[in-house]
Protein backbone atom coordinates (compact mmCIF):
# COMPACT_ATOMS: atom_id res chain seq x y z
CA MET A 1 -0.31 6.68 -2.97
CA SER A 2 -1.38 4.95 0.25
CA GLU A 3 -4.25 2.55 0.70
CA LEU A 4 -5.59 0.59 3.64
CA LEU A 5 -5.67 -3.09 2.73
CA THR A 6 -8.58 -5.17 3.97
CA ALA A 7 -9.03 -8.88 4.51
CA GLY A 8 -12.67 -9.87 4.26
CA ARG A 9 -14.62 -7.49 6.48
CA ALA A 10 -11.83 -6.65 8.90
CA SER A 11 -9.12 -4.11 8.25
CA VAL A 12 -5.61 -5.49 8.73
CA GLY A 13 -4.13 -2.02 9.26
CA ILE A 14 -1.31 -2.29 6.75
CA VAL A 15 -0.44 0.68 4.58
CA LEU A 16 0.65 0.03 1.00
CA THR A 17 2.78 2.69 -0.66
CA LYS A 18 3.90 2.54 -4.27
CA THR A 19 7.15 4.17 -5.39
CA VAL A 20 8.76 4.23 -8.83
CA VAL A 21 12.57 4.15 -8.82
CA ALA A 22 15.22 3.80 -11.55
CA VAL A 23 17.18 0.54 -11.25
CA ASP A 24 20.45 -0.06 -13.14
CA PRO A 25 21.39 -3.75 -12.80
CA PRO A 26 25.04 -4.76 -13.05
CA SER A 27 26.42 -6.90 -15.84
CA ILE A 28 25.46 -10.49 -14.93
CA THR A 29 27.14 -13.51 -16.51
CA THR A 30 25.29 -16.57 -17.79
CA LEU A 31 23.29 -18.46 -15.15
CA ALA A 32 24.63 -16.22 -12.39
CA LEU A 33 23.02 -14.02 -9.75
CA GLY A 34 23.64 -10.29 -9.49
CA THR A 35 22.60 -7.80 -6.85
CA VAL A 36 21.92 -4.09 -6.96
CA ALA A 37 21.24 -1.74 -4.05
CA VAL A 38 18.39 0.66 -4.80
CA THR A 39 17.43 3.78 -2.86
CA VAL A 40 13.73 3.53 -2.01
CA PRO A 41 12.71 6.40 0.29
CA GLY A 42 10.84 5.45 3.42
CA VAL A 43 11.62 1.73 3.68
CA VAL A 44 12.93 0.36 6.96
CA VAL A 45 14.38 -3.02 7.82
CA GLY A 46 11.50 -5.40 8.40
CA ASP A 47 9.23 -3.91 5.74
CA LEU A 48 7.84 -6.22 3.09
CA VAL A 49 8.76 -4.97 -0.37
CA ILE A 50 7.30 -6.17 -3.65
CA ALA A 51 9.44 -5.16 -6.65
CA THR A 52 7.79 -5.10 -10.06
CA PRO A 53 10.08 -4.76 -13.07
CA PRO A 54 9.03 -2.91 -16.21
CA ALA A 55 7.68 -4.86 -19.18
CA THR A 56 10.84 -3.83 -21.04
CA LEU A 57 13.20 -5.69 -18.68
CA GLU A 58 15.90 -7.43 -20.72
CA ALA A 59 15.15 -10.99 -21.83
CA GLY A 60 16.76 -13.48 -19.49
CA LEU A 61 16.79 -11.29 -16.36
CA VAL A 62 14.60 -12.84 -13.67
CA PRO A 63 13.86 -11.00 -10.39
CA ILE A 64 14.59 -13.35 -7.48
CA SER A 65 14.19 -11.21 -4.37
CA ALA A 66 13.80 -7.69 -2.99
CA ILE A 67 14.97 -7.27 0.59
CA VAL A 68 15.22 -4.13 2.73
CA THR A 69 18.86 -4.23 3.84
CA ALA A 70 19.12 -0.77 5.44
CA PRO A 71 16.94 2.29 5.93
CA ASN A 72 15.91 3.60 2.49
CA THR A 73 17.73 0.72 0.75
CA VAL A 74 16.33 -2.32 -1.06
CA THR A 75 18.72 -4.94 -2.43
CA LEU A 76 17.44 -6.68 -5.54
CA THR A 77 18.76 -10.07 -6.60
CA LEU A 78 18.44 -10.93 -10.30
CA LEU A 79 19.17 -14.16 -12.15
CA ASN A 80 20.54 -14.14 -15.68
CA ALA A 81 18.83 -17.14 -17.26
CA LYS A 82 20.08 -16.25 -20.74
CA GLY A 83 22.95 -17.97 -22.57
CA THR A 84 25.06 -14.78 -22.65
CA THR A 85 26.07 -12.00 -20.27
CA VAL A 86 23.34 -9.39 -19.77
CA ASP A 87 24.07 -5.79 -18.79
CA GLY A 88 20.65 -4.42 -17.91
CA ALA A 89 19.70 -0.86 -18.78
CA SER A 90 18.56 1.65 -16.18
CA LEU A 91 14.76 1.22 -16.09
CA ASN A 92 11.94 2.32 -13.79
CA TRP A 93 10.72 -0.36 -11.39
CA THR A 94 7.69 -0.11 -9.12
CA PHE A 95 8.16 -0.90 -5.44
CA ALA A 96 5.17 -1.64 -3.20
CA LEU A 97 6.09 -1.06 0.44
CA VAL A 98 4.09 -2.87 3.09
CA GLY A 99 4.77 -2.04 6.68
């Protein structure tokens, strides 16, 4: 799905594409950060990516960042804010690609 975003009356010429991808976070210890590389077709370095986790994301896991680190690859950083280790399940996330 692609849409042309507008700002006021003028078009800014940015295309927004939404993609749903399965993400399987690693086991993350208490109050630690974990990263996971996710294949997101069509992203290129320099694209802005907005990652939206599912409502069923494990309690304590907090998305910190989503950065395009290589063509077709987004690296997610997650914080485990829970008092125990969390090993997140593979769940579908939505990625909005702006570029």
